Protein backbone atom coordinates (compact mmCIF):
# COMPACT_ATOMS: atom_id res chain seq x y z
CA MET A 1 3.13 9.79 -19.98
CA THR A 2 5.08 7.03 -21.69
CA LEU A 3 4.36 3.46 -20.67
CA LEU A 4 6.96 0.72 -20.61
CA THR A 5 7.73 -1.13 -23.83
CA ALA A 6 9.38 -4.52 -24.24
CA ARG A 7 12.70 -2.76 -24.75
CA ASP A 8 12.24 -0.68 -21.59
CA ILE A 9 11.40 -3.78 -19.54
CA ARG A 10 14.49 -5.63 -20.69
CA GLU A 11 16.71 -2.61 -20.10
CA LEU A 12 15.34 -2.09 -16.59
CA ALA A 13 15.87 -5.75 -15.80
CA ALA A 14 19.42 -5.62 -17.15
CA ASP A 15 20.14 -2.52 -15.05
CA ILE A 16 19.55 -4.47 -11.85
CA GLY A 17 20.76 -7.84 -13.08
CA LEU A 18 17.31 -9.36 -12.83
CA ARG A 19 16.57 -12.79 -14.17
CA PRO A 20 12.84 -13.52 -13.80
CA THR A 21 12.06 -16.77 -11.98
CA LYS A 22 9.05 -19.07 -12.06
CA GLN A 23 9.39 -19.57 -8.32
CA LYS A 24 8.48 -15.92 -7.76
CA GLY A 25 5.85 -15.89 -10.49
CA GLN A 26 7.69 -13.13 -12.35
CA ASN A 27 6.18 -12.44 -15.75
CA PHE A 28 6.26 -8.78 -16.76
CA VAL A 29 3.72 -7.16 -19.10
CA ILE A 30 5.59 -5.66 -22.06
CA ASP A 31 2.69 -4.31 -24.13
CA PRO A 32 1.41 -0.77 -23.34
CA ASN A 33 -1.92 -1.46 -25.08
CA THR A 34 -2.55 -4.42 -22.78
CA VAL A 35 -1.78 -2.26 -19.75
CA ARG A 36 -4.22 0.43 -20.86
CA SER A 37 -6.85 -2.23 -21.56
CA ILE A 38 -6.48 -3.60 -18.02
CA VAL A 39 -6.86 -0.13 -16.52
CA THR A 40 -9.93 0.54 -18.67
CA THR A 41 -11.48 -2.80 -17.73
CA ALA A 42 -11.08 -1.93 -14.05
CA GLY A 43 -13.55 0.93 -14.61
CA LEU A 44 -12.34 2.88 -11.61
CA GLU A 45 -13.84 6.07 -10.30
CA GLU A 46 -11.83 9.21 -11.01
CA ASN A 47 -8.80 9.71 -8.75
CA SER A 48 -9.15 6.34 -7.08
CA SER A 49 -6.77 5.17 -4.38
CA VAL A 50 -5.39 1.91 -5.77
CA VAL A 51 -3.31 -0.78 -4.12
CA GLU A 52 -1.21 -2.84 -6.52
CA ILE A 53 0.38 -6.12 -5.43
CA GLY A 54 3.51 -7.31 -7.18
CA PRO A 55 4.20 -4.25 -9.38
CA GLY A 56 7.42 -5.75 -10.68
CA LEU A 57 9.18 -3.33 -13.02
CA GLY A 58 6.21 -0.93 -13.11
CA SER A 59 4.19 -1.58 -16.27
CA LEU A 60 0.76 -1.50 -14.63
CA THR A 61 1.86 1.04 -12.03
CA LEU A 62 2.52 3.58 -14.76
CA GLY A 63 -0.75 2.73 -16.49
CA LEU A 64 -2.70 3.45 -13.31
CA LEU A 65 -0.81 6.70 -12.74
CA GLU A 66 -1.42 7.73 -16.36
CA ALA A 67 -5.16 7.29 -15.74
CA GLY A 68 -5.01 9.72 -12.83
CA HIS A 69 -5.10 7.33 -9.89
CA SER A 70 -2.88 7.23 -6.81
CA VAL A 71 -0.99 3.98 -6.35
CA THR A 72 0.36 2.18 -3.31
CA ALA A 73 2.47 -0.71 -4.56
CA VAL A 74 3.33 -3.72 -2.41
CA GLU A 75 6.46 -5.53 -3.59
CA ILE A 76 8.20 -8.37 -1.74
CA ASP A 77 11.31 -8.52 -3.94
CA GLU A 78 13.92 -6.10 -2.58
CA LEU A 79 15.69 -5.74 -5.94
CA LEU A 80 12.48 -4.73 -7.69
CA ALA A 81 11.40 -2.54 -4.78
CA GLN A 82 14.66 -0.60 -4.94
CA LYS A 83 14.30 0.03 -8.68
CA LEU A 84 10.62 0.93 -8.96
CA PRO A 85 10.67 4.45 -7.39
CA SER A 86 13.29 5.67 -9.87
CA THR A 87 11.30 4.16 -12.74
CA VAL A 88 8.19 6.04 -11.60
CA ASP A 89 10.21 9.27 -11.27
CA ARG A 90 11.60 8.83 -14.78
CA PHE A 91 8.37 7.96 -16.58
CA ALA A 92 5.68 9.64 -14.44
CA GLY A 93 7.53 12.43 -12.68
CA SER A 94 8.72 12.93 -9.13
CA ASP A 95 5.35 14.35 -8.08
CA ALA A 96 3.39 11.24 -9.11
CA PRO A 97 0.98 10.02 -6.39
CA PHE A 98 2.93 6.84 -5.77
CA GLN A 99 4.34 5.07 -2.76
CA LEU A 100 5.98 1.73 -2.23
CA VAL A 101 5.71 -0.86 0.52
CA ASN A 102 8.53 -3.41 0.45
CA ALA A 103 6.80 -6.32 2.19
CA ASP A 104 5.16 -9.71 1.78
CA ALA A 105 1.58 -8.98 0.71
CA LEU A 106 0.30 -11.86 2.82
CA ARG A 107 1.61 -10.10 5.95
CA VAL A 108 0.37 -6.61 5.11
CA THR A 109 -2.40 -5.45 7.43
CA THR A 110 -2.13 -1.67 7.03
CA LEU A 111 -0.92 0.67 4.34
CA PRO A 112 0.80 4.03 4.83
CA GLU A 113 -1.11 7.26 4.44
CA PRO A 114 -1.50 8.21 0.76
CA GLN A 115 0.87 10.87 -0.46
CA HIS A 116 -0.23 14.02 -2.29
CA THR A 117 -3.67 14.01 -0.65
CA THR A 118 -5.42 17.36 -0.50
CA GLU A 119 -7.42 16.48 2.61
CA PRO A 120 -5.70 17.31 5.92
CA ALA A 121 -5.01 14.24 8.06
CA ASP A 122 -6.81 15.81 11.01
CA ASP A 123 -10.00 15.99 8.94
CA ARG A 124 -10.03 12.26 8.16
CA PRO A 125 -11.39 9.72 10.63
CA ASP A 126 -8.49 7.42 9.82
CA ALA A 127 -5.35 8.81 8.21
CA ALA A 128 -4.21 5.32 7.23
CA ASN A 129 -4.58 4.28 3.62
CA GLN A 130 -8.04 2.88 2.88
CA PRO A 131 -7.76 1.90 -0.80
CA ASP A 132 -10.79 2.00 -3.06
CA ALA A 133 -9.48 -0.56 -5.51
CA LEU A 134 -7.12 -3.45 -5.93
CA VAL A 135 -5.67 -3.69 -9.44
CA SER A 136 -2.81 -6.12 -9.93
CA ASN A 137 -1.02 -8.65 -12.06
CA LEU A 138 -0.86 -11.08 -9.16
CA PRO A 139 2.07 -13.45 -8.76
CA TYR A 140 0.56 -16.71 -9.95
CA ASN A 141 2.02 -18.85 -7.18
CA VAL A 142 0.16 -16.97 -4.41
CA ALA A 143 -2.70 -15.35 -6.29
CA VAL A 144 -5.70 -16.76 -4.40
CA PRO A 145 -4.31 -16.42 -0.85
CA VAL A 146 -3.20 -12.84 -1.53
CA LEU A 147 -6.55 -11.91 -3.09
CA LEU A 148 -8.55 -13.30 -0.16
CA HIS A 149 -6.19 -11.72 2.37
CA PHE A 150 -6.67 -8.24 0.91
CA LEU A 151 -10.44 -8.64 0.61
CA GLU A 152 -10.53 -9.57 4.28
CA THR A 153 -8.05 -6.95 5.48
CA PHE A 154 -9.25 -3.90 3.56
CA PRO A 155 -13.05 -3.54 3.70
CA SER A 156 -12.69 -0.17 1.97
CA LEU A 157 -12.14 -1.99 -1.34
CA THR A 158 -15.08 -1.64 -3.70
CA THR A 159 -13.48 -2.76 -6.97
CA VAL A 160 -11.00 -5.53 -7.67
CA LEU A 161 -9.44 -6.37 -11.03
CA VAL A 162 -6.66 -8.92 -10.97
CA MET A 163 -4.80 -10.82 -13.64
CA VAL A 164 -4.15 -14.44 -12.70
CA GLN A 165 -3.57 -17.78 -14.37
CA LEU A 166 -6.57 -18.39 -16.65
CA GLU A 167 -7.46 -21.64 -14.91
CA VAL A 168 -7.56 -19.83 -11.56
CA ALA A 169 -9.62 -16.99 -13.05
CA GLU A 170 -12.17 -19.50 -14.28
CA ARG A 171 -12.33 -21.13 -10.83
CA LEU A 172 -12.85 -17.83 -9.07
CA ALA A 173 -15.72 -16.90 -11.40
CA ALA A 174 -17.22 -20.41 -11.63
CA ALA A 175 -20.92 -20.91 -10.96
CA PRO A 176 -22.37 -23.56 -8.63
CA GLY A 177 -22.71 -26.92 -10.34
CA SER A 178 -19.62 -26.58 -12.51
CA ARG A 179 -16.59 -28.82 -12.05
CA THR A 180 -14.35 -25.79 -11.47
CA TYR A 181 -16.51 -24.41 -8.66
CA GLY A 182 -14.77 -24.81 -5.32
CA VAL A 183 -13.28 -23.15 -2.26
CA PRO A 184 -11.85 -20.07 -4.06
CA SER A 185 -15.14 -19.58 -5.93
CA VAL A 186 -17.34 -19.54 -2.84
CA LYS A 187 -15.00 -17.45 -0.69
CA ALA A 188 -14.42 -14.81 -3.37
CA GLN A 189 -18.13 -14.67 -4.23
CA TRP A 190 -18.98 -14.14 -0.55
CA TYR A 191 -17.40 -10.70 -0.94
CA GLY A 192 -19.31 -9.70 -4.05
CA ASP A 193 -20.03 -10.28 -7.73
CA VAL A 194 -17.16 -12.14 -9.42
CA GLN A 195 -16.83 -12.14 -13.20
CA LEU A 196 -14.29 -13.32 -15.74
CA ALA A 197 -13.48 -9.97 -17.36
CA GLY A 198 -11.20 -11.09 -20.18
CA LYS A 199 -8.36 -13.30 -21.34
CA VAL A 200 -4.75 -12.29 -21.89
CA GLY A 201 -2.40 -14.19 -24.20
CA LYS A 202 1.13 -15.30 -23.44
CA ASN A 203 2.91 -13.01 -25.86
CA VAL A 204 2.36 -9.79 -23.93
CA PHE A 205 4.65 -11.04 -21.15
CA TRP A 206 8.37 -11.35 -20.66
CA PRO A 207 9.28 -14.06 -20.19
CA ALA A 208 6.25 -15.62 -21.85
CA PRO A 209 4.49 -18.04 -19.47
CA ASN A 210 3.41 -21.49 -20.54
CA ILE A 211 -0.24 -20.67 -19.91
CA ASP A 212 -2.75 -17.99 -20.75
CA SER A 213 -3.94 -15.47 -18.18
CA GLY A 214 -7.35 -14.20 -17.22
CA LEU A 215 -8.76 -11.00 -15.76
CA VAL A 216 -11.12 -11.36 -12.81
CA ARG A 217 -13.30 -8.48 -11.70
CA ILE A 218 -14.96 -8.36 -8.28
CA ASP A 219 -17.53 -5.71 -7.46
CA VAL A 220 -17.37 -5.84 -3.68
CA THR A 221 -20.79 -5.62 -2.04
CA ARG A 222 -20.20 -7.34 1.31
CA THR A 223 -20.86 -4.93 4.17
CA ASP A 224 -21.31 -7.29 7.15
CA ARG A 225 -17.74 -8.34 7.99
CA ASP A 226 -18.07 -10.02 11.39
CA PRO A 227 -14.83 -12.04 11.61
CA GLU A 228 -16.45 -14.79 13.70
CA VAL A 229 -19.25 -15.24 11.18
CA ARG A 230 -16.74 -15.31 8.32
CA GLY A 231 -14.50 -17.75 10.19
CA ARG A 232 -17.34 -20.20 10.79
CA LEU A 233 -18.53 -19.90 7.21
CA PHE A 234 -15.09 -20.38 5.68
CA ALA A 235 -14.41 -23.40 7.94
CA LEU A 236 -17.64 -24.92 6.65
CA ILE A 237 -16.67 -24.22 3.04
CA ASP A 238 -13.25 -25.82 3.55
CA SER A 239 -14.87 -28.93 5.01
CA ALA A 240 -17.44 -29.22 2.22
CA PHE A 241 -14.78 -29.34 -0.48
CA ALA A 242 -12.03 -31.23 1.37
CA GLN A 243 -13.59 -34.47 0.09
CA ARG A 244 -15.58 -33.15 -2.81
CA ARG A 245 -16.47 -36.55 -4.26
CA LYS A 246 -18.41 -37.39 -1.11
CA THR A 247 -21.96 -36.33 -0.33
CA LEU A 248 -22.28 -33.45 2.11
CA ARG A 249 -23.61 -35.84 4.75
CA ALA A 250 -20.25 -37.64 4.70
CA ALA A 251 -18.01 -34.69 3.88
CA LEU A 252 -19.36 -32.61 6.76
CA SER A 253 -19.47 -35.38 9.37
CA GLY A 254 -16.25 -34.17 10.99
CA TRP A 255 -17.41 -30.57 10.94
CA ALA A 256 -20.83 -31.44 12.38
CA GLY A 257 -19.65 -34.10 14.85
CA SER A 258 -21.11 -37.18 13.18
CA PRO A 259 -22.81 -38.23 9.93
CA GLN A 260 -26.22 -38.09 11.62
CA GLN A 261 -25.62 -34.58 12.98
CA SER A 262 -24.45 -33.55 9.55
CA GLU A 263 -27.66 -34.89 8.01
CA ASP A 264 -29.81 -33.18 10.63
CA LEU A 265 -28.17 -29.78 10.07
CA LEU A 266 -28.38 -30.09 6.28
CA THR A 267 -32.04 -31.07 6.44
CA ALA A 268 -32.81 -28.18 8.79
CA ALA A 269 -31.16 -25.83 6.29
CA GLY A 270 -33.25 -27.20 3.45
CA ILE A 271 -30.30 -28.91 1.74
CA ASP A 272 -30.40 -32.50 0.47
CA PRO A 273 -27.79 -34.44 2.51
CA LYS A 274 -27.00 -36.48 -0.62
CA THR A 275 -25.85 -33.47 -2.61
CA ARG A 276 -22.22 -32.38 -2.95
CA GLY A 277 -20.49 -29.13 -2.09
CA GLU A 278 -20.26 -27.87 -5.66
CA ALA A 279 -24.06 -27.68 -5.83
CA LEU A 280 -24.36 -25.11 -3.03
CA THR A 281 -24.51 -21.37 -3.54
CA VAL A 282 -22.97 -18.83 -1.18
CA ALA A 283 -26.44 -18.30 0.29
CA ASP A 284 -26.78 -22.05 0.91
CA PHE A 285 -23.50 -22.14 2.82
CA GLN A 286 -24.52 -19.10 4.84
CA ARG A 287 -27.87 -20.66 5.73
CA LEU A 288 -26.22 -23.91 6.81
CA ALA A 289 -23.67 -22.08 8.94
CA ALA A 290 -26.47 -20.12 10.61
CA VAL A 291 -28.44 -23.31 11.32
CA ALA A 292 -25.34 -24.83 12.92
CA VAL A 293 -24.99 -21.83 15.21
CA GLY A 294 -28.67 -21.94 16.11
CA ALA A 295 -28.40 -25.63 16.91
CA GLY A 296 -25.57 -25.03 19.33
CA GLY A 297 -22.72 -25.06 16.84
CA ALA A 298 -21.09 -27.82 14.89
CA SER A 299 -18.09 -29.40 16.55
CA ASN A 300 -15.58 -27.60 14.35
CA ALA A 301 -17.65 -24.55 13.48
CA ASP A 302 -15.52 -22.11 15.44
CA ALA A 303 -12.15 -23.35 14.20
CA ALA A 304 -10.80 -23.28 10.72
CA ALA A 305 -10.85 -26.76 9.20
CA PRO A 306 -7.72 -27.94 7.38
CA ALA A 307 -8.04 -26.18 4.07
CA PRO A 308 -7.50 -27.80 0.69
CA PRO A 309 -4.94 -26.18 -1.61
CA ALA A 310 -5.90 -22.55 -2.14
CA GLU A 311 -6.55 -22.95 -5.85
CA ASP A 312 -8.64 -26.09 -5.34
CA PRO A 313 -6.99 -28.25 -8.02
CA SER A 314 -9.17 -31.30 -7.43
CA PRO A 315 -11.61 -32.14 -10.22
């Protein structure tokens, strides 16, 4: 199979009159070696069912198909969605295990049944698509919300490898105690082990972005997915970082009901009320949320607190 080159990308874009825009986060990978490196880094099981968000002109799509995986691509842009199937037919063949969903990834809650499956639908407990992996060059402007939405919506995912803005990649993989550790870090790490898997330079994209990119790998290990438990925990996390310069006693006073209640809950959970949110591990947040439930629930524990910006830009 031939992967897309820089010339191919520009010709495909010209065919549909496409002018990439920053507003849509459109930066297309033009280097086949980079595509193959991304697929290799994903380390997928043989014949994996992969969901790809924002396939664009198809660079990574073809790389995943070349490696023997089935691909369900979710593309919001109608122009790109109309072009991609013919590109796959041309470069991978009409029998390639590929299907396209023209939709906003943030609104996707189910995926169509995979094509070219050898297992009869009647023999499967759920004929809907339950992807094994998420591998994507995520649109930078919505990367974190889309990532968290798919982790929440598709518990079948066991492997995630996404390319995002390097700064966001470093935040997602940040360890407690670092200045980049924040809401995205804790929420992503609740699902599993998050690692910075590599850096990608500007020159492998068209148009070249102003910033470098990073690969983030998540080995999903979370099995208990009670939505009420997750909702309470994520509301707590949002509150802890909404005023990250404050101590947790002060930052969580609204969540707990008062500064004193906040201090009491933190002390009961074995957490120093004078510490700040960036010092807490995922396990610390889980323990505090459980203490709040055992104590009758914090005032805002059952409702999502106003969240800070998804990429947590505060220092």
